[in-house]
PDB file of all heavy atoms in Angstrom:
ATOM      1  N   VAL A   1     -94.791  25.489 -93.487  1.00  0.00           N
ATOM      2  CA  VAL A   1     -93.499  25.986 -93.172  1.00  0.00           C
ATOM      3  C   VAL A   1     -92.719  26.153 -94.527  1.00  0.00           C
ATOM      4  O   VAL A   1     -92.789  25.372 -95.444  1.00  0.00           O
ATOM      5  CB  VAL A   1     -92.602  24.950 -92.435  1.00  0.00           C
ATOM      6  CG1 VAL A   1     -91.218  25.472 -92.120  1.00  0.00           C
ATOM      7  CG2 VAL A   1     -93.369  24.599 -91.119  1.00  0.00           C
ATOM      8  N   SER A   2     -91.951  27.316 -94.629  1.00  0.00           N
ATOM      9  CA  SER A   2     -91.201  27.576 -95.778  1.00  0.00           C
ATOM     10  C   SER A   2     -89.837  28.181 -95.260  1.00  0.00           C
ATOM     11  O   SER A   2     -89.826  29.096 -94.438  1.00  0.00           O
ATOM     12  CB  SER A   2     -91.869  28.572 -96.729  1.00  0.00           C
ATOM     13  OG  SER A   2     -90.997  29.036 -97.684  1.00  0.00           O
ATOM     14  N   PHE A   3     -88.697  27.619 -95.702  1.00  0.00           N
ATOM     15  CA  PHE A   3     -87.427  28.216 -95.288  1.00  0.00           C
ATOM     16  C   PHE A   3     -86.355  27.852 -96.301  1.00  0.00           C
ATOM     17  O   PHE A   3     -86.548  27.036 -97.189  1.00  0.00           O
ATOM     18  CB  PHE A   3     -87.083  27.677 -93.845  1.00  0.00           C
ATOM     19  CG  PHE A   3     -86.828  26.145 -93.770  1.00  0.00           C
ATOM     20  CD1 PHE A   3     -85.585  25.637 -93.768  1.00  0.00           C
ATOM     21  CD2 PHE A   3     -87.921  25.361 -93.515  1.00  0.00           C
ATOM     22  CE1 PHE A   3     -85.406  24.242 -93.622  1.00  0.00           C
ATOM     23  CE2 PHE A   3     -87.759  24.013 -93.361  1.00  0.00           C
ATOM     24  CZ  PHE A   3     -86.467  23.436 -93.390  1.00  0.00           C
ATOM     25  N   HIS A   4     -85.199  28.510 -96.092  1.00  0.00           N
ATOM     26  CA  HIS A   4     -84.099  28.250 -96.934  1.00  0.00           C
ATOM     27  C   HIS A   4     -82.961  27.715 -96.108  1.00  0.00           C
ATOM     28  O   HIS A   4     -82.775  28.183 -94.957  1.00  0.00           O
ATOM     29  CB  HIS A   4     -83.630  29.555 -97.629  1.00  0.00           C
ATOM     30  CG  HIS A   4     -84.720  30.194 -98.474  1.00  0.00           C
ATOM     31  ND1 HIS A   4     -85.129  31.445 -98.219  1.00  0.00           N
ATOM     32  CD2 HIS A   4     -85.410  29.711 -99.491  1.00  0.00           C
ATOM     33  CE1 HIS A   4     -86.104  31.806 -99.085  1.00  0.00           C
ATOM     34  NE2 HIS A   4     -86.304  30.752 -99.868  1.00  0.00           N
ATOM     35  N   ILE A   5     -82.244  26.816 -96.689  1.00  0.00           N
ATOM     36  CA  ILE A   5     -81.021  26.258 -96.038  1.00  0.00           C
ATOM     37  C   ILE A   5     -79.925  26.156 -97.064  1.00  0.00           C
ATOM     38  O   ILE A   5     -80.251  25.854 -98.322  1.00  0.00           O
ATOM     39  CB  ILE A   5     -81.314  24.945 -95.344  1.00  0.00           C
ATOM     40  CG1 ILE A   5     -80.142  24.507 -94.469  1.00  0.00           C
ATOM     41  CG2 ILE A   5     -81.753  23.858 -96.398  1.00  0.00           C
ATOM     42  CD1 ILE A   5     -80.493  23.366 -93.537  1.00  0.00           C
ATOM     43  N   GLY A   6     -78.650  26.346 -96.727  1.00  0.00           N
ATOM     44  CA  GLY A   6     -77.729  26.458 -97.789  1.00  0.00           C
ATOM     45  C   GLY A   6     -76.307  26.215 -97.261  1.00  0.00           C
ATOM     46  O   GLY A   6     -76.045  25.829 -96.155  1.00  0.00           O
ATOM     47  N   ALA A   7     -75.416  26.553 -98.184  1.00  0.00           N
ATOM     48  CA  ALA A   7     -73.946  26.379 -97.906  1.00  0.00           C
ATOM     49  C   ALA A   7     -73.164  27.613 -98.481  1.00  0.00           C
ATOM     50  O   ALA A   7     -73.577  28.260 -99.384  1.00  0.00           O
ATOM     51  CB  ALA A   7     -73.456  25.106 -98.565  1.00  0.00           C
ATOM     52  N   ARG A   8     -71.958  27.856 -97.900  1.00  0.00           N
ATOM     53  CA  ARG A   8     -71.159  28.961 -98.339  1.00  0.00           C
ATOM     54  C   ARG A   8     -69.723  28.328 -98.448  1.00  0.00           C
ATOM     55  O   ARG A   8     -69.282  27.642 -97.593  1.00  0.00           O
ATOM     56  CB  ARG A   8     -71.158  30.071 -97.323  1.00  0.00           C
ATOM     57  CG  ARG A   8     -70.269  31.146 -97.684  1.00  0.00           C
ATOM     58  CD  ARG A   8     -70.374  32.243 -96.598  1.00  0.00           C
ATOM     59  NE  ARG A   8     -69.574  33.342 -96.979  1.00  0.00           N
ATOM     60  CZ  ARG A   8     -69.582  34.545 -96.442  1.00  0.00           C
ATOM     61  NH1 ARG A   8     -70.454  34.757 -95.495  1.00  0.00           N
ATOM     62  NH2 ARG A   8     -68.688  35.453 -96.742  1.00  0.00           N
ATOM     63  N   THR A   9     -69.045  28.663 -99.585  1.00  0.00           N
ATOM     64  CA  THR A   9     -67.718  28.210 -99.739  1.00  0.00           C
ATOM     65  C   THR A   9     -66.766  29.396-100.079  1.00  0.00           C
ATOM     66  O   THR A   9     -67.196  30.469-100.439  1.00  0.00           O
ATOM     67  CB  THR A   9     -67.638  27.204-100.906  1.00  0.00           C
ATOM     68  OG1 THR A   9     -68.073  27.821-102.110  1.00  0.00           O
ATOM     69  CG2 THR A   9     -68.508  25.952-100.661  1.00  0.00           C
ATOM     70  N   VAL A  10     -65.527  29.188 -99.928  1.00  0.00           N
ATOM     71  CA  VAL A  10     -64.456  30.132-100.389  1.00  0.00           C
ATOM     72  C   VAL A  10     -63.521  29.364-101.266  1.00  0.00           C
ATOM     73  O   VAL A  10     -63.331  28.206-101.190  1.00  0.00           O
ATOM     74  CB  VAL A  10     -63.758  30.782 -99.199  1.00  0.00           C
ATOM     75  CG1 VAL A  10     -64.655  31.684 -98.431  1.00  0.00           C
ATOM     76  CG2 VAL A  10     -63.149  29.731 -98.316  1.00  0.00           C
ATOM     77  N   ASN A  11     -62.816  30.088-102.150  1.00  0.00           N
ATOM     78  CA  ASN A  11     -61.820  29.513-103.080  1.00  0.00           C
ATOM     79  C   ASN A  11     -62.414  28.314-103.810  1.00  0.00           C
ATOM     80  O   ASN A  11     -61.782  27.232-103.824  1.00  0.00           O
ATOM     81  CB  ASN A  11     -60.558  29.187-102.276  1.00  0.00           C
ATOM     82  CG  ASN A  11     -59.949  30.395-101.660  1.00  0.00           C
ATOM     83  OD1 ASN A  11     -59.953  31.476-102.168  1.00  0.00           O
ATOM     84  ND2 ASN A  11     -59.321  30.160-100.489  1.00  0.00           N
ATOM     85  N   ASP A  12     -63.548  28.472-104.406  1.00  0.00           N
ATOM     86  CA  ASP A  12     -64.198  27.385-105.148  1.00  0.00           C
ATOM     87  C   ASP A  12     -64.611  27.912-106.534  1.00  0.00           C
ATOM     88  O   ASP A  12     -65.823  28.037-106.819  1.00  0.00           O
ATOM     89  CB  ASP A  12     -65.411  26.887-104.378  1.00  0.00           C
ATOM     90  CG  ASP A  12     -66.099  25.705-104.922  1.00  0.00           C
ATOM     91  OD1 ASP A  12     -65.480  24.964-105.748  1.00  0.00           O
ATOM     92  OD2 ASP A  12     -67.309  25.552-104.615  1.00  0.00           O
ATOM     93  N   PRO A  13     -63.721  28.346-107.342  1.00  0.00           N
ATOM     94  CA  PRO A  13     -64.034  28.991-108.675  1.00  0.00           C
ATOM     95  C   PRO A  13     -64.832  28.176-109.603  1.00  0.00           C
ATOM     96  O   PRO A  13     -65.637  28.697-110.396  1.00  0.00           O
ATOM     97  CB  PRO A  13     -62.697  29.356-109.255  1.00  0.00           C
ATOM     98  CG  PRO A  13     -61.753  28.469-108.612  1.00  0.00           C
ATOM     99  CD  PRO A  13     -62.283  28.131-107.268  1.00  0.00           C
ATOM    100  N   ALA A  14     -64.817  26.837-109.593  1.00  0.00           N
ATOM    101  CA  ALA A  14     -65.528  25.972-110.434  1.00  0.00           C
ATOM    102  C   ALA A  14     -66.809  25.472-109.796  1.00  0.00           C
ATOM    103  O   ALA A  14     -67.584  24.710-110.395  1.00  0.00           O
ATOM    104  CB  ALA A  14     -64.722  24.858-110.967  1.00  0.00           C
ATOM    105  N   ASN A  15     -67.138  25.861-108.617  1.00  0.00           N
ATOM    106  CA  ASN A  15     -68.370  25.504-107.847  1.00  0.00           C
ATOM    107  C   ASN A  15     -68.415  23.960-107.562  1.00  0.00           C
ATOM    108  O   ASN A  15     -69.576  23.493-107.300  1.00  0.00           O
ATOM    109  CB  ASN A  15     -69.531  25.952-108.547  1.00  0.00           C
ATOM    110  CG  ASN A  15     -69.703  27.444-108.672  1.00  0.00           C
ATOM    111  OD1 ASN A  15     -69.421  28.130-107.697  1.00  0.00           O
ATOM    112  ND2 ASN A  15     -70.221  27.930-109.825  1.00  0.00           N
ATOM    113  N   TYR A  16     -67.372  23.318-107.557  1.00  0.00           N
ATOM    114  CA  TYR A  16     -67.462  21.845-107.176  1.00  0.00           C
ATOM    115  C   TYR A  16     -67.751  21.650-105.755  1.00  0.00           C
ATOM    116  O   TYR A  16     -68.572  20.772-105.421  1.00  0.00           O
ATOM    117  CB  TYR A  16     -66.053  21.152-107.496  1.00  0.00           C
ATOM    118  CG  TYR A  16     -65.789  21.046-108.967  1.00  0.00           C
ATOM    119  CD1 TYR A  16     -64.624  21.629-109.481  1.00  0.00           C
ATOM    120  CD2 TYR A  16     -66.605  20.340-109.801  1.00  0.00           C
ATOM    121  CE1 TYR A  16     -64.339  21.574-110.835  1.00  0.00           C
ATOM    122  CE2 TYR A  16     -66.369  20.299-111.228  1.00  0.00           C
ATOM    123  CZ  TYR A  16     -65.218  20.887-111.705  1.00  0.00           C
ATOM    124  OH  TYR A  16     -64.892  20.831-113.049  1.00  0.00           O
ATOM    125  N   ASP A  17     -67.088  22.377-104.898  1.00  0.00           N
ATOM    126  CA  ASP A  17     -67.343  22.183-103.438  1.00  0.00           C
ATOM    127  C   ASP A  17     -68.827  22.574-103.028  1.00  0.00           C
ATOM    128  O   ASP A  17     -69.433  21.811-102.317  1.00  0.00           O
ATOM    129  CB  ASP A  17     -66.366  23.050-102.634  1.00  0.00           C
ATOM    130  CG  ASP A  17     -64.939  22.511-102.718  1.00  0.00           C
ATOM    131  OD1 ASP A  17     -64.769  21.372-103.152  1.00  0.00           O
ATOM    132  OD2 ASP A  17     -64.037  23.365-102.465  1.00  0.00           O
ATOM    133  N   ILE A  18     -69.249  23.676-103.546  1.00  0.00           N
ATOM    134  CA  ILE A  18     -70.588  24.129-103.170  1.00  0.00           C
ATOM    135  C   ILE A  18     -71.638  23.180-103.669  1.00  0.00           C
ATOM    136  O   ILE A  18     -72.701  22.911-103.069  1.00  0.00           O
ATOM    137  CB  ILE A  18     -70.886  25.582-103.619  1.00  0.00           C
ATOM    138  CG1 ILE A  18     -72.002  26.163-102.804  1.00  0.00           C
ATOM    139  CG2 ILE A  18     -71.185  25.717-105.108  1.00  0.00           C
ATOM    140  CD1 ILE A  18     -72.096  27.653-102.868  1.00  0.00           C
ATOM    141  N   MET A  19     -71.486  22.647-104.936  1.00  0.00           N
ATOM    142  CA  MET A  19     -72.434  21.663-105.423  1.00  0.00           C
ATOM    143  C   MET A  19     -72.420  20.393-104.747  1.00  0.00           C
ATOM    144  O   MET A  19     -73.465  19.706-104.518  1.00  0.00           O
ATOM    145  CB  MET A  19     -72.289  21.479-106.976  1.00  0.00           C
ATOM    146  CG  MET A  19     -72.556  22.671-107.820  1.00  0.00           C
ATOM    147  SD  MET A  19     -74.144  23.510-107.385  1.00  0.00           S
ATOM    148  CE  MET A  19     -75.326  22.276-107.823  1.00  0.00           C
ATOM    149  N   LEU A  20     -71.292  19.988-104.184  1.00  0.00           N
ATOM    150  CA  LEU A  20     -71.206  18.742-103.303  1.00  0.00           C
ATOM    151  C   LEU A  20     -71.952  19.041-102.077  1.00  0.00           C
ATOM    152  O   LEU A  20     -72.790  18.143-101.652  1.00  0.00           O
ATOM    153  CB  LEU A  20     -69.733  18.438-103.035  1.00  0.00           C
ATOM    154  CG  LEU A  20     -69.543  17.235-102.166  1.00  0.00           C
ATOM    155  CD1 LEU A  20     -69.982  15.956-102.781  1.00  0.00           C
ATOM    156  CD2 LEU A  20     -68.046  17.198-101.676  1.00  0.00           C
ATOM    157  N   LEU A  21     -71.780  20.224-101.436  1.00  0.00           N
ATOM    158  CA  LEU A  21     -72.508  20.441-100.235  1.00  0.00           C
ATOM    159  C   LEU A  21     -74.064  20.528-100.503  1.00  0.00           C
ATOM    160  O   LEU A  21     -74.831  20.062 -99.684  1.00  0.00           O
ATOM    161  CB  LEU A  21     -72.033  21.832 -99.664  1.00  0.00           C
ATOM    162  CG  LEU A  21     -70.680  21.783 -99.117  1.00  0.00           C
ATOM    163  CD1 LEU A  21     -70.102  23.192 -98.765  1.00  0.00           C
ATOM    164  CD2 LEU A  21     -70.551  20.903 -97.884  1.00  0.00           C
ATOM    165  N   VAL A  22     -74.466  21.226-101.587  1.00  0.00           N
ATOM    166  CA  VAL A  22     -75.890  21.276-101.883  1.00  0.00           C
ATOM    167  C   VAL A  22     -76.467  19.929-102.136  1.00  0.00           C
ATOM    168  O   VAL A  22     -77.595  19.601-101.742  1.00  0.00           O
ATOM    169  CB  VAL A  22     -76.131  22.219-103.099  1.00  0.00           C
ATOM    170  CG1 VAL A  22     -77.531  22.077-103.600  1.00  0.00           C
ATOM    171  CG2 VAL A  22     -75.827  23.690-102.729  1.00  0.00           C
ATOM    172  N   GLY A  23     -75.730  19.021-102.753  1.00  0.00           N
ATOM    173  CA  GLY A  23     -76.213  17.597-103.005  1.00  0.00           C
ATOM    174  C   GLY A  23     -76.345  16.883-101.654  1.00  0.00           C
ATOM    175  O   GLY A  23     -77.368  16.133-101.494  1.00  0.00           O
ATOM    176  N   LYS A  24     -75.485  17.121-100.754  1.00  0.00           N
ATOM    177  CA  LYS A  24     -75.633  16.536 -99.423  1.00  0.00           C
ATOM    178  C   LYS A  24     -76.918  17.103 -98.718  1.00  0.00           C
ATOM    179  O   LYS A  24     -77.563  16.256 -98.035  1.00  0.00           O
ATOM    180  CB  LYS A  24     -74.420  16.807 -98.457  1.00  0.00           C
ATOM    181  CG  LYS A  24     -73.173  16.128 -98.972  1.00  0.00           C
ATOM    182  CD  LYS A  24     -73.193  14.682 -98.842  1.00  0.00           C
ATOM    183  CE  LYS A  24     -71.928  14.021 -99.285  1.00  0.00           C
ATOM    184  NZ  LYS A  24     -72.011  12.581 -99.289  1.00  0.00           N
ATOM    185  N   LEU A  25     -77.200  18.346 -98.806  1.00  0.00           N
ATOM    186  CA  LEU A  25     -78.381  18.871 -98.144  1.00  0.00           C
ATOM    187  C   LEU A  25     -79.629  18.274 -98.786  1.00  0.00           C
ATOM    188  O   LEU A  25     -80.543  18.008 -98.091  1.00  0.00           O
ATOM    189  CB  LEU A  25     -78.373  20.397 -98.386  1.00  0.00           C
ATOM    190  CG  LEU A  25     -77.427  21.205 -97.479  1.00  0.00           C
ATOM    191  CD1 LEU A  25     -77.468  22.714 -97.868  1.00  0.00           C
ATOM    192  CD2 LEU A  25     -77.910  21.087 -96.051  1.00  0.00           C
ATOM    193  N   LYS A  26     -79.609  18.086-100.161  1.00  0.00           N
ATOM    194  CA  LYS A  26     -80.737  17.575-100.856  1.00  0.00           C
ATOM    195  C   LYS A  26     -80.986  16.085-100.467  1.00  0.00           C
ATOM    196  O   LYS A  26     -82.154  15.604-100.407  1.00  0.00           O
ATOM    197  CB  LYS A  26     -80.607  17.639-102.296  1.00  0.00           C
ATOM    198  CG  LYS A  26     -80.894  19.133-102.875  1.00  0.00           C
ATOM    199  CD  LYS A  26     -80.667  19.165-104.338  1.00  0.00           C
ATOM    200  CE  LYS A  26     -81.975  18.485-104.996  1.00  0.00           C
ATOM    201  NZ  LYS A  26     -81.871  18.685-106.397  1.00  0.00           N
ATOM    202  N   GLU A  27     -79.956  15.331-100.043  1.00  0.00           N
ATOM    203  CA  GLU A  27     -80.105  14.005 -99.508  1.00  0.00           C
ATOM    204  C   GLU A  27     -80.808  13.969 -98.199  1.00  0.00           C
ATOM    205  O   GLU A  27     -81.612  13.036 -97.967  1.00  0.00           O
ATOM    206  CB  GLU A  27     -78.778  13.271 -99.420  1.00  0.00           C
ATOM    207  CG  GLU A  27     -78.113  12.972-100.701  1.00  0.00           C
ATOM    208  CD  GLU A  27     -76.668  12.353-100.458  1.00  0.00           C
ATOM    209  OE1 GLU A  27     -76.375  11.965 -99.404  1.00  0.00           O
ATOM    210  OE2 GLU A  27     -75.890  12.357-101.442  1.00  0.00           O
ATOM    211  N   VAL A  28     -80.442  14.883 -97.306  1.00  0.00           N
ATOM    212  CA  VAL A  28     -81.090  14.981 -96.050  1.00  0.00           C
ATOM    213  C   VAL A  28     -82.526  15.438 -96.106  1.00  0.00           C
ATOM    214  O   VAL A  28     -83.456  14.975 -95.524  1.00  0.00           O
ATOM    215  CB  VAL A  28     -80.318  15.876 -95.118  1.00  0.00           C
ATOM    216  CG1 VAL A  28     -80.983  16.126 -93.727  1.00  0.00           C
ATOM    217  CG2 VAL A  28     -78.877  15.289 -94.812  1.00  0.00           C
ATOM    218  N   PHE A  29     -82.749  16.585 -96.883  1.00  0.00           N
ATOM    219  CA  PHE A  29     -84.111  17.213 -97.054  1.00  0.00           C
ATOM    220  C   PHE A  29     -84.702  16.843 -98.422  1.00  0.00           C
ATOM    221  O   PHE A  29     -84.827  17.729 -99.217  1.00  0.00           O
ATOM    222  CB  PHE A  29     -83.915  18.719 -96.884  1.00  0.00           C
ATOM    223  CG  PHE A  29     -83.494  19.109 -95.516  1.00  0.00           C
ATOM    224  CD1 PHE A  29     -82.128  19.498 -95.343  1.00  0.00           C
ATOM    225  CD2 PHE A  29     -84.377  19.096 -94.445  1.00  0.00           C
ATOM    226  CE1 PHE A  29     -81.756  19.949 -94.058  1.00  0.00           C
ATOM    227  CE2 PHE A  29     -83.916  19.563 -93.149  1.00  0.00           C
ATOM    228  CZ  PHE A  29     -82.671  19.907 -92.973  1.00  0.00           C
ATOM    229  N   ASN A  30     -85.017  15.589 -98.607  1.00  0.00           N
ATOM    230  CA  ASN A  30     -85.648  15.236 -99.897  1.00  0.00           C
ATOM    231  C   ASN A  30     -87.152  15.179 -99.738  1.00  0.00           C
ATOM    232  O   ASN A  30     -87.747  14.978 -98.672  1.00  0.00           O
ATOM    233  CB  ASN A  30     -85.042  13.929-100.502  1.00  0.00           C
ATOM    234  CG  ASN A  30     -85.142  12.749 -99.530  1.00  0.00           C
ATOM    235  OD1 ASN A  30     -86.041  12.763 -98.681  1.00  0.00           O
ATOM    236  ND2 ASN A  30     -84.429  11.691 -99.713  1.00  0.00           N
TER     237      ASN A  30
END
C-alpha cells in the first residue's frame, strides 16, 4: 500500500499550524 495523507491550513504565513498538524499525523502513522 502507498498513499498520501495530509493537512491544509489558511492564514498560516509562518507554517506553525501546518507543521503542528503534520507532527500529529506522524505520531499516529509512525
